[in-house]
ModelCIF file with pLDDT and N, C-alpha, C, O atoms, coordinates in Angstrom:
data_MODEL
#
_entry.id   MODEL 
#
_entity.id                         1 
_entity.type                       polymer 
_entity.pdbx_number_of_molecules   1 
#
_entity_poly.entity_id                      1 
_entity_poly.type                           'polypeptide(L)' 
_entity_poly.nstd_linkage                   no 
_entity_poly.nstd_monomer                   no 
_entity_poly.pdbx_seq_one_letter_code       
;(UNK)(UNK)(UNK)(UNK)(UNK)(UNK)(UNK)(UNK)(UNK)(UNK)(UNK)(UNK)(UNK)(UNK)(UNK)(UNK)
(UNK)(UNK)(UNK)(UNK)(UNK)(UNK)(UNK)(UNK)(UNK)(UNK)(UNK)(UNK)(UNK)(UNK)(UNK)(UNK)
(UNK)(UNK)(UNK)(UNK)(UNK)(UNK)(UNK)(UNK)(UNK)(UNK)(UNK)(UNK)(UNK)(UNK)
;
_entity_poly.pdbx_seq_one_letter_code_can   XXXXXXXXXXXXXXXXXXXXXXXXXXXXXXXXXXXXXXXXXXXXXX 
_entity_poly.pdbx_strand_id                 A 
#
loop_
_entity_poly_seq.entity_id 
_entity_poly_seq.num 
_entity_poly_seq.mon_id 
_entity_poly_seq.hetero 
1 1  UNK n 
1 2  UNK n 
1 3  UNK n 
1 4  UNK n 
1 5  UNK n 
1 6  UNK n 
1 7  UNK n 
1 8  UNK n 
1 9  UNK n 
1 10 UNK n 
1 11 UNK n 
1 12 UNK n 
1 13 UNK n 
1 14 UNK n 
1 15 UNK n 
1 16 UNK n 
1 17 UNK n 
1 18 UNK n 
1 19 UNK n 
1 20 UNK n 
1 21 UNK n 
1 22 UNK n 
1 23 UNK n 
1 24 UNK n 
1 25 UNK n 
1 26 UNK n 
1 27 UNK n 
1 28 UNK n 
1 29 UNK n 
1 30 UNK n 
1 31 UNK n 
1 32 UNK n 
1 33 UNK n 
1 34 UNK n 
1 35 UNK n 
1 36 UNK n 
1 37 UNK n 
1 38 UNK n 
1 39 UNK n 
1 40 UNK n 
1 41 UNK n 
1 42 UNK n 
1 43 UNK n 
1 44 UNK n 
1 45 UNK n 
1 46 UNK n 
#
_struct_asym.id          A 
_struct_asym.entity_id   1 
#
loop_
_ma_qa_metric.id 
_ma_qa_metric.mode 
_ma_qa_metric.name 
_ma_qa_metric.software_group_id 
_ma_qa_metric.type 
1 global pLDDT . pLDDT 
2 local  pLDDT . pLDDT 
#
_ma_qa_metric_global.metric_id      1 
_ma_qa_metric_global.metric_value   95.22 
_ma_qa_metric_global.model_id       1 
_ma_qa_metric_global.ordinal_id     1 
#
loop_
_ma_qa_metric_local.label_asym_id 
_ma_qa_metric_local.label_comp_id 
_ma_qa_metric_local.label_seq_id 
_ma_qa_metric_local.metric_id 
_ma_qa_metric_local.metric_value 
_ma_qa_metric_local.model_id 
_ma_qa_metric_local.ordinal_id 
A UNK 1  2 97.00 1 1  
A UNK 2  2 98.00 1 2  
A UNK 3  2 98.00 1 3  
A UNK 4  2 98.00 1 4  
A UNK 5  2 98.00 1 5  
A UNK 6  2 97.00 1 6  
A UNK 7  2 95.00 1 7  
A UNK 8  2 94.00 1 8  
A UNK 9  2 91.00 1 9  
A UNK 10 2 88.00 1 10 
A UNK 11 2 87.00 1 11 
A UNK 12 2 89.00 1 12 
A UNK 13 2 87.00 1 13 
A UNK 14 2 90.00 1 14 
A UNK 15 2 89.00 1 15 
A UNK 16 2 91.00 1 16 
A UNK 17 2 92.00 1 17 
A UNK 18 2 94.00 1 18 
A UNK 19 2 94.00 1 19 
A UNK 20 2 96.00 1 20 
A UNK 21 2 95.00 1 21 
A UNK 22 2 97.00 1 22 
A UNK 23 2 97.00 1 23 
A UNK 24 2 96.00 1 24 
A UNK 25 2 96.00 1 25 
A UNK 26 2 97.00 1 26 
A UNK 27 2 97.00 1 27 
A UNK 28 2 97.00 1 28 
A UNK 29 2 97.00 1 29 
A UNK 30 2 97.00 1 30 
A UNK 31 2 96.00 1 31 
A UNK 32 2 97.00 1 32 
A UNK 33 2 96.00 1 33 
A UNK 34 2 97.00 1 34 
A UNK 35 2 97.00 1 35 
A UNK 36 2 97.00 1 36 
A UNK 37 2 98.00 1 37 
A UNK 38 2 98.00 1 38 
A UNK 39 2 97.00 1 39 
A UNK 40 2 98.00 1 40 
A UNK 41 2 98.00 1 41 
A UNK 42 2 97.00 1 42 
A UNK 43 2 97.00 1 43 
A UNK 44 2 97.00 1 44 
A UNK 45 2 97.00 1 45 
A UNK 46 2 94.00 1 46 
#
loop_
_atom_site.group_PDB 
_atom_site.id 
_atom_site.type_symbol 
_atom_site.label_atom_id 
_atom_site.label_alt_id 
_atom_site.label_comp_id 
_atom_site.label_asym_id 
_atom_site.label_entity_id 
_atom_site.label_seq_id 
_atom_site.pdbx_PDB_ins_code 
_atom_site.Cartn_x 
_atom_site.Cartn_y 
_atom_site.Cartn_z 
_atom_site.occupancy 
_atom_site.B_iso_or_equiv 
_atom_site.pdbx_formal_charge 
_atom_site.auth_seq_id 
_atom_site.auth_comp_id 
_atom_site.auth_asym_id 
_atom_site.auth_atom_id 
_atom_site.pdbx_PDB_model_num 
ATOM 1   N N  . UNK A 1 1  ? -51.752 29.243 53.113 1.00 97.00 ? 1  UNK A N  1 
ATOM 2   C CA . UNK A 1 1  ? -52.590 29.209 51.574 1.00 97.00 ? 1  UNK A CA 1 
ATOM 3   C C  . UNK A 1 1  ? -53.343 28.345 51.464 1.00 97.00 ? 1  UNK A C  1 
ATOM 4   O O  . UNK A 1 1  ? -54.550 28.530 51.306 1.00 97.00 ? 1  UNK A O  1 
ATOM 5   N N  . UNK A 1 2  ? -52.729 27.087 51.531 1.00 98.00 ? 2  UNK A N  1 
ATOM 6   C CA . UNK A 1 2  ? -53.084 25.580 50.334 1.00 98.00 ? 2  UNK A CA 1 
ATOM 7   C C  . UNK A 1 2  ? -53.348 24.288 51.680 1.00 98.00 ? 2  UNK A C  1 
ATOM 8   O O  . UNK A 1 2  ? -52.517 24.689 52.495 1.00 98.00 ? 2  UNK A O  1 
ATOM 9   N N  . UNK A 1 3  ? -53.636 23.734 51.968 1.00 98.00 ? 3  UNK A N  1 
ATOM 10  C CA . UNK A 1 3  ? -54.083 22.663 52.745 1.00 98.00 ? 3  UNK A CA 1 
ATOM 11  C C  . UNK A 1 3  ? -53.759 21.425 51.329 1.00 98.00 ? 3  UNK A C  1 
ATOM 12  O O  . UNK A 1 3  ? -54.160 21.595 50.177 1.00 98.00 ? 3  UNK A O  1 
ATOM 13  N N  . UNK A 1 4  ? -53.128 20.485 51.711 1.00 98.00 ? 4  UNK A N  1 
ATOM 14  C CA . UNK A 1 4  ? -53.086 18.903 51.090 1.00 98.00 ? 4  UNK A CA 1 
ATOM 15  C C  . UNK A 1 4  ? -52.977 18.173 51.632 1.00 98.00 ? 4  UNK A C  1 
ATOM 16  O O  . UNK A 1 4  ? -51.905 17.864 52.153 1.00 98.00 ? 4  UNK A O  1 
ATOM 17  N N  . UNK A 1 5  ? -54.046 17.560 51.757 1.00 98.00 ? 5  UNK A N  1 
ATOM 18  C CA . UNK A 1 5  ? -54.557 16.200 52.677 1.00 98.00 ? 5  UNK A CA 1 
ATOM 19  C C  . UNK A 1 5  ? -54.411 14.771 52.257 1.00 98.00 ? 5  UNK A C  1 
ATOM 20  O O  . UNK A 1 5  ? -55.298 14.275 51.563 1.00 98.00 ? 5  UNK A O  1 
ATOM 21  N N  . UNK A 1 6  ? -53.715 14.298 52.498 1.00 97.00 ? 6  UNK A N  1 
ATOM 22  C CA . UNK A 1 6  ? -53.124 13.006 52.212 1.00 97.00 ? 6  UNK A CA 1 
ATOM 23  C C  . UNK A 1 6  ? -53.756 11.848 52.988 1.00 97.00 ? 6  UNK A C  1 
ATOM 24  O O  . UNK A 1 6  ? -53.142 11.307 53.908 1.00 97.00 ? 6  UNK A O  1 
ATOM 25  N N  . UNK A 1 7  ? -55.169 11.410 52.561 1.00 95.00 ? 7  UNK A N  1 
ATOM 26  C CA . UNK A 1 7  ? -55.783 10.411 52.757 1.00 95.00 ? 7  UNK A CA 1 
ATOM 27  C C  . UNK A 1 7  ? -55.629 8.960  53.306 1.00 95.00 ? 7  UNK A C  1 
ATOM 28  O O  . UNK A 1 7  ? -56.449 8.160  53.757 1.00 95.00 ? 7  UNK A O  1 
ATOM 29  N N  . UNK A 1 8  ? -54.296 8.911  53.107 1.00 94.00 ? 8  UNK A N  1 
ATOM 30  C CA . UNK A 1 8  ? -53.900 7.374  53.553 1.00 94.00 ? 8  UNK A CA 1 
ATOM 31  C C  . UNK A 1 8  ? -53.389 6.737  52.190 1.00 94.00 ? 8  UNK A C  1 
ATOM 32  O O  . UNK A 1 8  ? -53.332 7.452  51.190 1.00 94.00 ? 8  UNK A O  1 
ATOM 33  N N  . UNK A 1 9  ? -53.060 5.561  52.145 1.00 91.00 ? 9  UNK A N  1 
ATOM 34  C CA . UNK A 1 9  ? -52.993 4.664  51.280 1.00 91.00 ? 9  UNK A CA 1 
ATOM 35  C C  . UNK A 1 9  ? -53.964 4.883  49.719 1.00 91.00 ? 9  UNK A C  1 
ATOM 36  O O  . UNK A 1 9  ? -53.571 5.140  48.581 1.00 91.00 ? 9  UNK A O  1 
ATOM 37  N N  . UNK A 1 10 ? -55.059 4.702  50.148 1.00 88.00 ? 10 UNK A N  1 
ATOM 38  C CA . UNK A 1 10 ? -56.019 5.024  48.733 1.00 88.00 ? 10 UNK A CA 1 
ATOM 39  C C  . UNK A 1 10 ? -56.890 6.416  49.302 1.00 88.00 ? 10 UNK A C  1 
ATOM 40  O O  . UNK A 1 10 ? -56.877 6.866  50.448 1.00 88.00 ? 10 UNK A O  1 
ATOM 41  N N  . UNK A 1 11 ? -57.439 6.793  48.434 1.00 87.00 ? 11 UNK A N  1 
ATOM 42  C CA . UNK A 1 11 ? -58.058 8.046  48.217 1.00 87.00 ? 11 UNK A CA 1 
ATOM 43  C C  . UNK A 1 11 ? -59.381 8.344  48.807 1.00 87.00 ? 11 UNK A C  1 
ATOM 44  O O  . UNK A 1 11 ? -60.303 7.854  48.155 1.00 87.00 ? 11 UNK A O  1 
ATOM 45  N N  . UNK A 1 12 ? -59.641 8.830  49.573 1.00 89.00 ? 12 UNK A N  1 
ATOM 46  C CA . UNK A 1 12 ? -60.973 9.137  50.563 1.00 89.00 ? 12 UNK A CA 1 
ATOM 47  C C  . UNK A 1 12 ? -61.185 10.272 50.233 1.00 89.00 ? 12 UNK A C  1 
ATOM 48  O O  . UNK A 1 12 ? -60.251 11.056 50.066 1.00 89.00 ? 12 UNK A O  1 
ATOM 49  N N  . UNK A 1 13 ? -62.411 10.610 50.070 1.00 87.00 ? 13 UNK A N  1 
ATOM 50  C CA . UNK A 1 13 ? -63.577 12.250 49.862 1.00 87.00 ? 13 UNK A CA 1 
ATOM 51  C C  . UNK A 1 13 ? -64.015 12.558 51.340 1.00 87.00 ? 13 UNK A C  1 
ATOM 52  O O  . UNK A 1 13 ? -64.885 11.973 51.985 1.00 87.00 ? 13 UNK A O  1 
ATOM 53  N N  . UNK A 1 14 ? -63.265 13.548 51.711 1.00 90.00 ? 14 UNK A N  1 
ATOM 54  C CA . UNK A 1 14 ? -63.976 14.042 52.731 1.00 90.00 ? 14 UNK A CA 1 
ATOM 55  C C  . UNK A 1 14 ? -65.600 14.996 52.572 1.00 90.00 ? 14 UNK A C  1 
ATOM 56  O O  . UNK A 1 14 ? -65.813 15.497 51.468 1.00 90.00 ? 14 UNK A O  1 
ATOM 57  N N  . UNK A 1 15 ? -66.410 15.148 53.424 1.00 89.00 ? 15 UNK A N  1 
ATOM 58  C CA . UNK A 1 15 ? -67.489 15.820 53.181 1.00 89.00 ? 15 UNK A CA 1 
ATOM 59  C C  . UNK A 1 15 ? -67.160 17.388 52.288 1.00 89.00 ? 15 UNK A C  1 
ATOM 60  O O  . UNK A 1 15 ? -66.230 18.182 52.434 1.00 89.00 ? 15 UNK A O  1 
ATOM 61  N N  . UNK A 1 16 ? -68.234 17.414 51.427 1.00 91.00 ? 16 UNK A N  1 
ATOM 62  C CA . UNK A 1 16 ? -67.590 18.586 50.387 1.00 91.00 ? 16 UNK A CA 1 
ATOM 63  C C  . UNK A 1 16 ? -67.858 20.003 51.574 1.00 91.00 ? 16 UNK A C  1 
ATOM 64  O O  . UNK A 1 16 ? -67.237 21.062 51.483 1.00 91.00 ? 16 UNK A O  1 
ATOM 65  N N  . UNK A 1 17 ? -68.437 19.838 52.161 1.00 92.00 ? 17 UNK A N  1 
ATOM 66  C CA . UNK A 1 17 ? -68.368 21.033 53.428 1.00 92.00 ? 17 UNK A CA 1 
ATOM 67  C C  . UNK A 1 17 ? -67.507 21.255 53.600 1.00 92.00 ? 17 UNK A C  1 
ATOM 68  O O  . UNK A 1 17 ? -67.473 22.469 53.802 1.00 92.00 ? 17 UNK A O  1 
ATOM 69  N N  . UNK A 1 18 ? -66.340 20.731 53.699 1.00 94.00 ? 18 UNK A N  1 
ATOM 70  C CA . UNK A 1 18 ? -65.426 20.809 54.584 1.00 94.00 ? 18 UNK A CA 1 
ATOM 71  C C  . UNK A 1 18 ? -64.435 21.788 53.271 1.00 94.00 ? 18 UNK A C  1 
ATOM 72  O O  . UNK A 1 18 ? -64.092 22.947 53.506 1.00 94.00 ? 18 UNK A O  1 
ATOM 73  N N  . UNK A 1 19 ? -64.155 21.216 52.188 1.00 94.00 ? 19 UNK A N  1 
ATOM 74  C CA . UNK A 1 19 ? -63.776 22.397 51.535 1.00 94.00 ? 19 UNK A CA 1 
ATOM 75  C C  . UNK A 1 19 ? -64.684 23.712 51.180 1.00 94.00 ? 19 UNK A C  1 
ATOM 76  O O  . UNK A 1 19 ? -64.370 24.620 50.410 1.00 94.00 ? 19 UNK A O  1 
ATOM 77  N N  . UNK A 1 20 ? -65.734 23.599 51.839 1.00 96.00 ? 20 UNK A N  1 
ATOM 78  C CA . UNK A 1 20 ? -66.447 25.077 51.181 1.00 96.00 ? 20 UNK A CA 1 
ATOM 79  C C  . UNK A 1 20 ? -66.114 25.841 52.194 1.00 96.00 ? 20 UNK A C  1 
ATOM 80  O O  . UNK A 1 20 ? -66.405 27.020 51.993 1.00 96.00 ? 20 UNK A O  1 
ATOM 81  N N  . UNK A 1 21 ? -65.339 25.507 53.771 1.00 95.00 ? 21 UNK A N  1 
ATOM 82  C CA . UNK A 1 21 ? -65.219 26.163 54.889 1.00 95.00 ? 21 UNK A CA 1 
ATOM 83  C C  . UNK A 1 21 ? -63.796 26.804 54.628 1.00 95.00 ? 21 UNK A C  1 
ATOM 84  O O  . UNK A 1 21 ? -63.460 27.910 55.052 1.00 95.00 ? 21 UNK A O  1 
ATOM 85  N N  . UNK A 1 22 ? -63.038 25.992 53.903 1.00 97.00 ? 22 UNK A N  1 
ATOM 86  C CA . UNK A 1 22 ? -61.634 26.446 53.375 1.00 97.00 ? 22 UNK A CA 1 
ATOM 87  C C  . UNK A 1 22 ? -61.910 27.619 52.487 1.00 97.00 ? 22 UNK A C  1 
ATOM 88  O O  . UNK A 1 22 ? -61.438 28.745 52.650 1.00 97.00 ? 22 UNK A O  1 
ATOM 89  N N  . UNK A 1 23 ? -62.527 27.335 51.759 1.00 97.00 ? 23 UNK A N  1 
ATOM 90  C CA . UNK A 1 23 ? -63.078 28.110 50.280 1.00 97.00 ? 23 UNK A CA 1 
ATOM 91  C C  . UNK A 1 23 ? -63.444 29.622 51.071 1.00 97.00 ? 23 UNK A C  1 
ATOM 92  O O  . UNK A 1 23 ? -62.870 30.662 50.747 1.00 97.00 ? 23 UNK A O  1 
ATOM 93  N N  . UNK A 1 24 ? -64.537 29.555 52.204 1.00 96.00 ? 24 UNK A N  1 
ATOM 94  C CA . UNK A 1 24 ? -64.783 30.574 52.582 1.00 96.00 ? 24 UNK A CA 1 
ATOM 95  C C  . UNK A 1 24 ? -63.541 31.593 53.002 1.00 96.00 ? 24 UNK A C  1 
ATOM 96  O O  . UNK A 1 24 ? -63.452 32.760 52.619 1.00 96.00 ? 24 UNK A O  1 
ATOM 97  N N  . UNK A 1 25 ? -62.583 30.894 53.888 1.00 96.00 ? 25 UNK A N  1 
ATOM 98  C CA . UNK A 1 25 ? -61.823 31.912 54.190 1.00 96.00 ? 25 UNK A CA 1 
ATOM 99  C C  . UNK A 1 25 ? -60.693 32.150 53.100 1.00 96.00 ? 25 UNK A C  1 
ATOM 100 O O  . UNK A 1 25 ? -59.880 33.025 53.398 1.00 96.00 ? 25 UNK A O  1 
ATOM 101 N N  . UNK A 1 26 ? -60.524 31.535 51.940 1.00 97.00 ? 26 UNK A N  1 
ATOM 102 C CA . UNK A 1 26 ? -59.979 31.821 50.783 1.00 97.00 ? 26 UNK A CA 1 
ATOM 103 C C  . UNK A 1 26 ? -58.422 30.901 51.095 1.00 97.00 ? 26 UNK A C  1 
ATOM 104 O O  . UNK A 1 26 ? -57.358 31.238 50.577 1.00 97.00 ? 26 UNK A O  1 
ATOM 105 N N  . UNK A 1 27 ? -58.550 29.879 51.900 1.00 97.00 ? 27 UNK A N  1 
ATOM 106 C CA . UNK A 1 27 ? -57.607 29.031 51.787 1.00 97.00 ? 27 UNK A CA 1 
ATOM 107 C C  . UNK A 1 27 ? -57.680 27.566 50.736 1.00 97.00 ? 27 UNK A C  1 
ATOM 108 O O  . UNK A 1 27 ? -58.773 27.013 50.862 1.00 97.00 ? 27 UNK A O  1 
ATOM 109 N N  . UNK A 1 28 ? -56.888 26.964 49.903 1.00 97.00 ? 28 UNK A N  1 
ATOM 110 C CA . UNK A 1 28 ? -57.128 26.258 49.083 1.00 97.00 ? 28 UNK A CA 1 
ATOM 111 C C  . UNK A 1 28 ? -57.140 24.626 49.365 1.00 97.00 ? 28 UNK A C  1 
ATOM 112 O O  . UNK A 1 28 ? -56.483 24.232 50.328 1.00 97.00 ? 28 UNK A O  1 
ATOM 113 N N  . UNK A 1 29 ? -57.670 23.919 48.777 1.00 97.00 ? 29 UNK A N  1 
ATOM 114 C CA . UNK A 1 29 ? -57.935 22.572 49.706 1.00 97.00 ? 29 UNK A CA 1 
ATOM 115 C C  . UNK A 1 29 ? -58.131 21.732 48.872 1.00 97.00 ? 29 UNK A C  1 
ATOM 116 O O  . UNK A 1 29 ? -59.169 21.699 48.211 1.00 97.00 ? 29 UNK A O  1 
ATOM 117 N N  . UNK A 1 30 ? -56.833 20.604 48.701 1.00 97.00 ? 30 UNK A N  1 
ATOM 118 C CA . UNK A 1 30 ? -56.902 19.901 47.842 1.00 97.00 ? 30 UNK A CA 1 
ATOM 119 C C  . UNK A 1 30 ? -56.328 17.966 48.465 1.00 97.00 ? 30 UNK A C  1 
ATOM 120 O O  . UNK A 1 30 ? -55.250 17.516 48.853 1.00 97.00 ? 30 UNK A O  1 
ATOM 121 N N  . UNK A 1 31 ? -57.773 17.319 48.251 1.00 96.00 ? 31 UNK A N  1 
ATOM 122 C CA . UNK A 1 31 ? -57.439 15.644 48.450 1.00 96.00 ? 31 UNK A CA 1 
ATOM 123 C C  . UNK A 1 31 ? -56.629 14.726 47.394 1.00 96.00 ? 31 UNK A C  1 
ATOM 124 O O  . UNK A 1 31 ? -56.708 14.702 46.166 1.00 96.00 ? 31 UNK A O  1 
ATOM 125 N N  . UNK A 1 32 ? -55.683 13.849 48.436 1.00 97.00 ? 32 UNK A N  1 
ATOM 126 C CA . UNK A 1 32 ? -54.908 13.055 47.886 1.00 97.00 ? 32 UNK A CA 1 
ATOM 127 C C  . UNK A 1 32 ? -54.446 12.141 48.328 1.00 97.00 ? 32 UNK A C  1 
ATOM 128 O O  . UNK A 1 32 ? -54.175 12.166 49.529 1.00 97.00 ? 32 UNK A O  1 
ATOM 129 N N  . UNK A 1 33 ? -54.173 10.991 47.570 1.00 96.00 ? 33 UNK A N  1 
ATOM 130 C CA . UNK A 1 33 ? -53.631 9.832  48.737 1.00 96.00 ? 33 UNK A CA 1 
ATOM 131 C C  . UNK A 1 33 ? -52.231 10.434 49.510 1.00 96.00 ? 33 UNK A C  1 
ATOM 132 O O  . UNK A 1 33 ? -51.656 11.342 48.910 1.00 96.00 ? 33 UNK A O  1 
ATOM 133 N N  . UNK A 1 34 ? -51.763 10.067 50.560 1.00 97.00 ? 34 UNK A N  1 
ATOM 134 C CA . UNK A 1 34 ? -50.387 10.545 51.260 1.00 97.00 ? 34 UNK A CA 1 
ATOM 135 C C  . UNK A 1 34 ? -49.275 10.452 50.050 1.00 97.00 ? 34 UNK A C  1 
ATOM 136 O O  . UNK A 1 34 ? -48.769 11.535 49.759 1.00 97.00 ? 34 UNK A O  1 
ATOM 137 N N  . UNK A 1 35 ? -48.867 9.406  49.372 1.00 97.00 ? 35 UNK A N  1 
ATOM 138 C CA . UNK A 1 35 ? -47.853 9.517  48.945 1.00 97.00 ? 35 UNK A CA 1 
ATOM 139 C C  . UNK A 1 35 ? -47.694 10.509 47.848 1.00 97.00 ? 35 UNK A C  1 
ATOM 140 O O  . UNK A 1 35 ? -46.599 10.673 47.310 1.00 97.00 ? 35 UNK A O  1 
ATOM 141 N N  . UNK A 1 36 ? -48.822 11.218 47.477 1.00 97.00 ? 36 UNK A N  1 
ATOM 142 C CA . UNK A 1 36 ? -48.860 12.133 46.082 1.00 97.00 ? 36 UNK A CA 1 
ATOM 143 C C  . UNK A 1 36 ? -49.035 13.425 47.258 1.00 97.00 ? 36 UNK A C  1 
ATOM 144 O O  . UNK A 1 36 ? -48.312 14.393 47.022 1.00 97.00 ? 36 UNK A O  1 
ATOM 145 N N  . UNK A 1 37 ? -49.771 13.514 48.287 1.00 98.00 ? 37 UNK A N  1 
ATOM 146 C CA . UNK A 1 37 ? -49.597 14.636 49.166 1.00 98.00 ? 37 UNK A CA 1 
ATOM 147 C C  . UNK A 1 37 ? -48.264 14.859 49.715 1.00 98.00 ? 37 UNK A C  1 
ATOM 148 O O  . UNK A 1 37 ? -47.964 16.025 49.969 1.00 98.00 ? 37 UNK A O  1 
ATOM 149 N N  . UNK A 1 38 ? -47.574 14.107 49.898 1.00 98.00 ? 38 UNK A N  1 
ATOM 150 C CA . UNK A 1 38 ? -46.010 13.969 50.198 1.00 98.00 ? 38 UNK A CA 1 
ATOM 151 C C  . UNK A 1 38 ? -45.389 15.055 49.386 1.00 98.00 ? 38 UNK A C  1 
ATOM 152 O O  . UNK A 1 38 ? -45.291 16.216 49.783 1.00 98.00 ? 38 UNK A O  1 
ATOM 153 N N  . UNK A 1 39 ? -45.069 14.719 48.490 1.00 97.00 ? 39 UNK A N  1 
ATOM 154 C CA . UNK A 1 39 ? -44.336 14.582 46.511 1.00 97.00 ? 39 UNK A CA 1 
ATOM 155 C C  . UNK A 1 39 ? -45.227 16.295 46.921 1.00 97.00 ? 39 UNK A C  1 
ATOM 156 O O  . UNK A 1 39 ? -44.471 17.167 47.349 1.00 97.00 ? 39 UNK A O  1 
ATOM 157 N N  . UNK A 1 40 ? -46.651 16.648 46.782 1.00 98.00 ? 40 UNK A N  1 
ATOM 158 C CA . UNK A 1 40 ? -46.878 18.146 46.644 1.00 98.00 ? 40 UNK A CA 1 
ATOM 159 C C  . UNK A 1 40 ? -46.662 18.972 47.226 1.00 98.00 ? 40 UNK A C  1 
ATOM 160 O O  . UNK A 1 40 ? -46.533 20.152 46.900 1.00 98.00 ? 40 UNK A O  1 
ATOM 161 N N  . UNK A 1 41 ? -46.543 18.206 48.730 1.00 98.00 ? 41 UNK A N  1 
ATOM 162 C CA . UNK A 1 41 ? -46.328 19.577 49.535 1.00 98.00 ? 41 UNK A CA 1 
ATOM 163 C C  . UNK A 1 41 ? -45.041 20.035 49.042 1.00 98.00 ? 41 UNK A C  1 
ATOM 164 O O  . UNK A 1 41 ? -44.787 21.221 48.831 1.00 98.00 ? 41 UNK A O  1 
ATOM 165 N N  . UNK A 1 42 ? -44.060 18.864 48.826 1.00 97.00 ? 42 UNK A N  1 
ATOM 166 C CA . UNK A 1 42 ? -41.838 19.014 48.640 1.00 97.00 ? 42 UNK A CA 1 
ATOM 167 C C  . UNK A 1 42 ? -42.155 20.083 47.662 1.00 97.00 ? 42 UNK A C  1 
ATOM 168 O O  . UNK A 1 42 ? -41.422 21.072 47.680 1.00 97.00 ? 42 UNK A O  1 
ATOM 169 N N  . UNK A 1 43 ? -43.202 20.038 46.750 1.00 97.00 ? 43 UNK A N  1 
ATOM 170 C CA . UNK A 1 43 ? -43.122 20.833 45.174 1.00 97.00 ? 43 UNK A CA 1 
ATOM 171 C C  . UNK A 1 43 ? -43.150 22.195 45.592 1.00 97.00 ? 43 UNK A C  1 
ATOM 172 O O  . UNK A 1 43 ? -42.289 23.065 45.455 1.00 97.00 ? 43 UNK A O  1 
ATOM 173 N N  . UNK A 1 44 ? -44.996 22.274 46.465 1.00 97.00 ? 44 UNK A N  1 
ATOM 174 C CA . UNK A 1 44 ? -45.061 24.082 47.029 1.00 97.00 ? 44 UNK A CA 1 
ATOM 175 C C  . UNK A 1 44 ? -44.449 24.524 47.722 1.00 97.00 ? 44 UNK A C  1 
ATOM 176 O O  . UNK A 1 44 ? -44.214 25.731 47.777 1.00 97.00 ? 44 UNK A O  1 
ATOM 177 N N  . UNK A 1 45 ? -43.759 23.184 48.879 1.00 97.00 ? 45 UNK A N  1 
ATOM 178 C CA . UNK A 1 45 ? -42.782 24.441 49.630 1.00 97.00 ? 45 UNK A CA 1 
ATOM 179 C C  . UNK A 1 45 ? -41.520 24.915 49.079 1.00 97.00 ? 45 UNK A C  1 
ATOM 180 O O  . UNK A 1 45 ? -40.873 25.886 49.471 1.00 97.00 ? 45 UNK A O  1 
ATOM 181 N N  . UNK A 1 46 ? -41.165 23.894 47.856 1.00 94.00 ? 46 UNK A N  1 
ATOM 182 C CA . UNK A 1 46 ? -39.320 24.744 47.280 1.00 94.00 ? 46 UNK A CA 1 
ATOM 183 C C  . UNK A 1 46 ? -40.135 25.790 46.645 1.00 94.00 ? 46 UNK A C  1 
ATOM 184 O O  . UNK A 1 46 ? -39.591 26.721 46.050 1.00 94.00 ? 46 UNK A O  1 
#
């Protein structure tokens, strides 16, 4: 339903076309540093 991309210790933007491909399939795509992605994944899982 949703992908949380943890880009490492620092925030790295992927090519905008990546998010567009997820959007075409109705999949949410969020980019953040890995520590934030770990926390966000746990909240969404719960």
